[in-house]
PDB file of N, CA and C in Angstrom:
ATOM      1  N   MET A   1       0.346   9.190  -9.509  1.00  0.00           N
ATOM      2  CA  MET A   1       0.035   8.323  -8.380  1.00  0.00           C
ATOM      3  C   MET A   1       1.136   8.474  -7.340  1.00  0.00           C
ATOM      4  N   GLN A   2       0.748   8.212  -6.117  1.00  0.00           N
ATOM      5  CA  GLN A   2       1.735   8.219  -5.042  1.00  0.00           C
ATOM      6  C   GLN A   2       1.294   7.304  -3.911  1.00  0.00           C
ATOM      7  N   PHE A   3       2.271   6.761  -3.216  1.00  0.00           N
ATOM      8  CA  PHE A   3       2.009   6.010  -1.996  1.00  0.00           C
ATOM      9  C   PHE A   3       1.994   6.990  -0.836  1.00  0.00           C
ATOM     10  N   GLU A   4       1.046   6.819   0.056  1.00  0.00           N
ATOM     11  CA  GLU A   4       0.969   7.621   1.275  1.00  0.00           C
ATOM     12  C   GLU A   4       1.197   6.692   2.455  1.00  0.00           C
ATOM     13  N   LEU A   5       2.096   7.070   3.327  1.00  0.00           N
ATOM     14  CA  LEU A   5       2.422   6.293   4.519  1.00  0.00           C
ATOM     15  C   LEU A   5       1.950   7.098   5.720  1.00  0.00           C
ATOM     16  N   TYR A   6       1.172   6.469   6.606  1.00  0.00           N
ATOM     17  CA  TYR A   6       0.598   7.208   7.735  1.00  0.00           C
ATOM     18  C   TYR A   6       0.404   6.281   8.928  1.00  0.00           C
ATOM     19  N   LYS A   7       0.163   6.878  10.086  1.00  0.00           N
ATOM     20  CA  LYS A   7      -0.151   6.108  11.289  1.00  0.00           C
ATOM     21  C   LYS A   7      -1.663   6.103  11.488  1.00  0.00           C
ATOM     22  N   ASP A   8      -2.201   4.928  11.834  1.00  0.00           N
ATOM     23  CA  ASP A   8      -3.634   4.813  12.098  1.00  0.00           C
ATOM     24  C   ASP A   8      -3.929   5.164  13.561  1.00  0.00           C
ATOM     25  N   ARG A   9      -5.169   5.010  13.975  1.00  0.00           N
ATOM     26  CA  ARG A   9      -5.582   5.367  15.339  1.00  0.00           C
ATOM     27  C   ARG A   9      -4.898   4.533  16.410  1.00  0.00           C
ATOM     28  N   GLN A  10      -4.456   3.343  16.044  1.00  0.00           N
ATOM     29  CA  GLN A  10      -3.758   2.471  16.986  1.00  0.00           C
ATOM     30  C   GLN A  10      -2.251   2.753  17.015  1.00  0.00           C
ATOM     31  N   GLY A  11      -1.817   3.716  16.209  1.00  0.00           N
ATOM     32  CA  GLY A  11      -0.406   4.066  16.162  1.00  0.00           C
ATOM     33  C   GLY A  11       0.425   3.180  15.259  1.00  0.00           C
ATOM     34  N   GLU A  12      -0.245   2.366  14.438  1.00  0.00           N
ATOM     35  CA  GLU A  12       0.476   1.491  13.510  1.00  0.00           C
ATOM     36  C   GLU A  12       0.576   2.157  12.139  1.00  0.00           C
ATOM     37  N   PHE A  13       1.621   1.784  11.409  1.00  0.00           N
ATOM     38  CA  PHE A  13       1.840   2.342  10.080  1.00  0.00           C
ATOM     39  C   PHE A  13       0.992   1.607   9.048  1.00  0.00           C
ATOM     40  N   ARG A  14       0.403   2.374   8.172  1.00  0.00           N
ATOM     41  CA  ARG A  14      -0.373   1.849   7.047  1.00  0.00           C
ATOM     42  C   ARG A  14       0.009   2.641   5.809  1.00  0.00           C
ATOM     43  N   TRP A  15      -0.363   2.110   4.658  1.00  0.00           N
ATOM     44  CA  TRP A  15      -0.110   2.819   3.413  1.00  0.00           C
ATOM     45  C   TRP A  15      -1.342   2.749   2.527  1.00  0.00           C
ATOM     46  N   ARG A  16      -1.394   3.674   1.592  1.00  0.00           N
ATOM     47  CA  ARG A  16      -2.420   3.638   0.547  1.00  0.00           C
ATOM     48  C   ARG A  16      -1.801   4.180  -0.733  1.00  0.00           C
ATOM     49  N   LEU A  17      -2.309   3.708  -1.847  1.00  0.00           N
ATOM     50  CA  LEU A  17      -1.877   4.172  -3.160  1.00  0.00           C
ATOM     51  C   LEU A  17      -2.981   5.073  -3.695  1.00  0.00           C
ATOM     52  N   ARG A  18      -2.641   6.326  -3.934  1.00  0.00           N
ATOM     53  CA  ARG A  18      -3.637   7.304  -4.355  1.00  0.00           C
ATOM     54  C   ARG A  18      -3.363   7.737  -5.801  1.00  0.00           C
ATOM     55  N   HIS A  19      -4.411   7.720  -6.614  1.00  0.00           N
ATOM     56  CA  HIS A  19      -4.344   8.171  -8.002  1.00  0.00           C
ATOM     57  C   HIS A  19      -4.223   9.693  -8.020  1.00  0.00           C
ATOM     58  N   ALA A  20      -3.758  10.233  -9.122  1.00  0.00           N
ATOM     59  CA  ALA A  20      -3.623  11.688  -9.259  1.00  0.00           C
ATOM     60  C   ALA A  20      -4.963  12.409  -9.098  1.00  0.00           C
ATOM     61  N   ASN A  21      -6.072  11.709  -9.391  1.00  0.00           N
ATOM     62  CA  ASN A  21      -7.393  12.330  -9.253  1.00  0.00           C
ATOM     63  C   ASN A  21      -7.923  12.273  -7.819  1.00  0.00           C
ATOM     64  N   GLY A  22      -7.145  11.696  -6.898  1.00  0.00           N
ATOM     65  CA  GLY A  22      -7.539  11.639  -5.491  1.00  0.00           C
ATOM     66  C   GLY A  22      -8.144  10.321  -5.053  1.00  0.00           C
ATOM     67  N   ASN A  23      -8.536   9.482  -5.995  1.00  0.00           N
ATOM     68  CA  ASN A  23      -9.113   8.185  -5.634  1.00  0.00           C
ATOM     69  C   ASN A  23      -8.057   7.272  -5.022  1.00  0.00           C
ATOM     70  N   ILE A  24      -8.484   6.490  -4.027  1.00  0.00           N
ATOM     71  CA  ILE A  24      -7.596   5.501  -3.421  1.00  0.00           C
ATOM     72  C   ILE A  24      -7.703   4.216  -4.228  1.00  0.00           C
ATOM     73  N   LEU A  25      -6.571   3.743  -4.732  1.00  0.00           N
ATOM     74  CA  LEU A  25      -6.537   2.546  -5.571  1.00  0.00           C
ATOM     75  C   LEU A  25      -6.253   1.284  -4.777  1.00  0.00           C
ATOM     76  N   ALA A  26      -5.463   1.399  -3.713  1.00  0.00           N
ATOM     77  CA  ALA A  26      -5.095   0.231  -2.907  1.00  0.00           C
ATOM     78  C   ALA A  26      -4.723   0.700  -1.506  1.00  0.00           C
ATOM     79  N   THR A  27      -4.917  -0.197  -0.534  1.00  0.00           N
ATOM     80  CA  THR A  27      -4.546   0.095   0.849  1.00  0.00           C
ATOM     81  C   THR A  27      -3.876  -1.126   1.464  1.00  0.00           C
ATOM     82  N   SER A  28      -3.124  -0.887   2.515  1.00  0.00           N
ATOM     83  CA  SER A  28      -2.511  -2.008   3.228  1.00  0.00           C
ATOM     84  C   SER A  28      -3.608  -2.806   3.915  1.00  0.00           C
ATOM     85  N   SER A  29      -3.427  -4.094   3.972  1.00  0.00           N
ATOM     86  CA  SER A  29      -4.439  -4.962   4.583  1.00  0.00           C
ATOM     87  C   SER A  29      -4.261  -5.079   6.087  1.00  0.00           C
ATOM     88  N   GLU A  30      -3.176  -4.521   6.594  1.00  0.00           N
ATOM     89  CA  GLU A  30      -2.905  -4.587   8.029  1.00  0.00           C
ATOM     90  C   GLU A  30      -2.051  -3.403   8.434  1.00  0.00           C
ATOM     91  N   GLY A  31      -1.987  -3.153   9.735  1.00  0.00           N
ATOM     92  CA  GLY A  31      -1.108  -2.129  10.271  1.00  0.00           C
ATOM     93  C   GLY A  31       0.225  -2.751  10.644  1.00  0.00           C
ATOM     94  N   TYR A  32       1.271  -1.943  10.624  1.00  0.00           N
ATOM     95  CA  TYR A  32       2.618  -2.408  10.936  1.00  0.00           C
ATOM     96  C   TYR A  32       3.175  -1.590  12.094  1.00  0.00           C
ATOM     97  N   LYS A  33       3.724  -2.270  13.083  1.00  0.00           N
ATOM     98  CA  LYS A  33       4.312  -1.571  14.228  1.00  0.00           C
ATOM     99  C   LYS A  33       5.563  -0.798  13.825  1.00  0.00           C
ATOM    100  N   ALA A  34       6.320  -1.354  12.892  1.00  0.00           N
ATOM    101  CA  ALA A  34       7.551  -0.710  12.435  1.00  0.00           C
ATOM    102  C   ALA A  34       7.334  -0.037  11.082  1.00  0.00           C
ATOM    103  N   ARG A  35       7.812   1.186  10.961  1.00  0.00           N
ATOM    104  CA  ARG A  35       7.712   1.916   9.704  1.00  0.00           C
ATOM    105  C   ARG A  35       8.402   1.133   8.588  1.00  0.00           C
ATOM    106  N   ALA A  36       9.543   0.542   8.900  1.00  0.00           N
ATOM    107  CA  ALA A  36      10.307  -0.213   7.901  1.00  0.00           C
ATOM    108  C   ALA A  36       9.496  -1.368   7.324  1.00  0.00           C
ATOM    109  N   SER A  37       8.644  -1.979   8.126  1.00  0.00           N
ATOM    110  CA  SER A  37       7.807  -3.084   7.636  1.00  0.00           C
ATOM    111  C   SER A  37       6.781  -2.580   6.630  1.00  0.00           C
ATOM    112  N   ALA A  38       6.207  -1.416   6.886  1.00  0.00           N
ATOM    113  CA  ALA A  38       5.244  -0.837   5.946  1.00  0.00           C
ATOM    114  C   ALA A  38       5.938  -0.450   4.645  1.00  0.00           C
ATOM    115  N   VAL A  39       7.129   0.118   4.750  1.00  0.00           N
ATOM    116  CA  VAL A  39       7.891   0.490   3.556  1.00  0.00           C
ATOM    117  C   VAL A  39       8.264  -0.754   2.755  1.00  0.00           C
ATOM    118  N   LYS A  40       8.603  -1.838   3.434  1.00  0.00           N
ATOM    119  CA  LYS A  40       8.921  -3.098   2.752  1.00  0.00           C
ATOM    120  C   LYS A  40       7.709  -3.597   1.962  1.00  0.00           C
ATOM    121  N   CYS A  41       6.529  -3.459   2.517  1.00  0.00           N
ATOM    122  CA  CYS A  41       5.306  -3.863   1.824  1.00  0.00           C
ATOM    123  C   CYS A  41       5.066  -2.979   0.596  1.00  0.00           C
ATOM    124  N   ILE A  42       5.271  -1.675   0.740  1.00  0.00           N
ATOM    125  CA  ILE A  42       5.150  -0.762  -0.408  1.00  0.00           C
ATOM    126  C   ILE A  42       6.118  -1.190  -1.506  1.00  0.00           C
ATOM    127  N   ASP A  43       7.344  -1.497  -1.128  1.00  0.00           N
ATOM    128  CA  ASP A  43       8.340  -1.931  -2.113  1.00  0.00           C
ATOM    129  C   ASP A  43       7.906  -3.211  -2.824  1.00  0.00           C
ATOM    130  N   ALA A  44       7.271  -4.125  -2.095  1.00  0.00           N
ATOM    131  CA  ALA A  44       6.786  -5.373  -2.701  1.00  0.00           C
ATOM    132  C   ALA A  44       5.681  -5.089  -3.714  1.00  0.00           C
ATOM    133  N   VAL A  45       4.802  -4.159  -3.397  1.00  0.00           N
ATOM    134  CA  VAL A  45       3.733  -3.789  -4.333  1.00  0.00           C
ATOM    135  C   VAL A  45       4.341  -3.147  -5.578  1.00  0.00           C
ATOM    136  N   LYS A  46       5.286  -2.251  -5.386  1.00  0.00           N
ATOM    137  CA  LYS A  46       5.940  -1.597  -6.520  1.00  0.00           C
ATOM    138  C   LYS A  46       6.648  -2.614  -7.408  1.00  0.00           C
ATOM    139  N   ALA A  47       7.284  -3.599  -6.805  1.00  0.00           N
ATOM    140  CA  ALA A  47       8.013  -4.618  -7.565  1.00  0.00           C
ATOM    141  C   ALA A  47       7.077  -5.542  -8.334  1.00  0.00           C
ATOM    142  N   SER A  48       5.825  -5.621  -7.916  1.00  0.00           N
ATOM    143  CA  SER A  48       4.877  -6.528  -8.565  1.00  0.00           C
ATOM    144  C   SER A  48       4.119  -5.862  -9.711  1.00  0.00           C
ATOM    145  N   ALA A  49       4.529  -4.687 -10.123  1.00  0.00           N
ATOM    146  CA  ALA A  49       3.818  -3.959 -11.176  1.00  0.00           C
ATOM    147  C   ALA A  49       3.769  -4.727 -12.492  1.00  0.00           C
ATOM    148  N   ASP A  50       4.740  -5.587 -12.736  1.00  0.00           N
ATOM    149  CA  ASP A  50       4.778  -6.345 -13.993  1.00  0.00           C
ATOM    150  C   ASP A  50       4.124  -7.720 -13.889  1.00  0.00           C
ATOM    151  N   VAL A  51       3.504  -8.005 -12.766  1.00  0.00           N
ATOM    152  CA  VAL A  51       2.861  -9.304 -12.568  1.00  0.00           C
ATOM    153  C   VAL A  51       1.608  -9.370 -13.447  1.00  0.00           C
ATOM    154  N   PRO A  52       1.386 -10.479 -14.147  1.00  0.00           N
ATOM    155  CA  PRO A  52       0.203 -10.581 -14.999  1.00  0.00           C
ATOM    156  C   PRO A  52      -1.093 -10.598 -14.183  1.00  0.00           C
ATOM    157  N   VAL A  53      -2.156 -10.165 -14.823  1.00  0.00           N
ATOM    158  CA  VAL A  53      -3.483 -10.171 -14.208  1.00  0.00           C
ATOM    159  C   VAL A  53      -4.124 -11.522 -14.461  1.00  0.00           C
ATOM    160  N   LYS A  54      -4.664 -12.126 -13.418  1.00  0.00           N
ATOM    161  CA  LYS A  54      -5.370 -13.400 -13.546  1.00  0.00           C
ATOM    162  C   LYS A  54      -6.847 -13.128 -13.301  1.00  0.00           C
ATOM    163  N   GLU A  55      -7.657 -13.398 -14.315  1.00  0.00           N
ATOM    164  CA  GLU A  55      -9.093 -13.184 -14.189  1.00  0.00           C
ATOM    165  C   GLU A  55      -9.725 -14.397 -13.518  1.00  0.00           C
ATOM    166  N   LEU A  56     -10.458 -14.151 -12.444  1.00  0.00           N
ATOM    167  CA  LEU A  56     -11.145 -15.219 -11.720  1.00  0.00           C
ATOM    168  C   LEU A  56     -12.589 -15.294 -12.192  1.00  0.00           C
ATOM    169  N   LYS A  57     -13.086 -16.504 -12.331  1.00  0.00           N
ATOM    170  CA  LYS A  57     -14.468 -16.677 -12.802  1.00  0.00           C
ATOM    171  C   LYS A  57     -15.298 -17.347 -11.757  1.00  0.00           C
TER     172      LYS A  57
END
């Protein structure tokens, strides 16, 4: 898996998490004007890897 950081059509930074098979597993919910803000969001997602799953009914 890898995170991909890119600029969208509006020139804002976005990210996506891509599986080794090419499928997109997650994407940023918004664009960021600053690259550092997008990287900070990626870091937050990476840090939450140990967060438990809550099943909603």
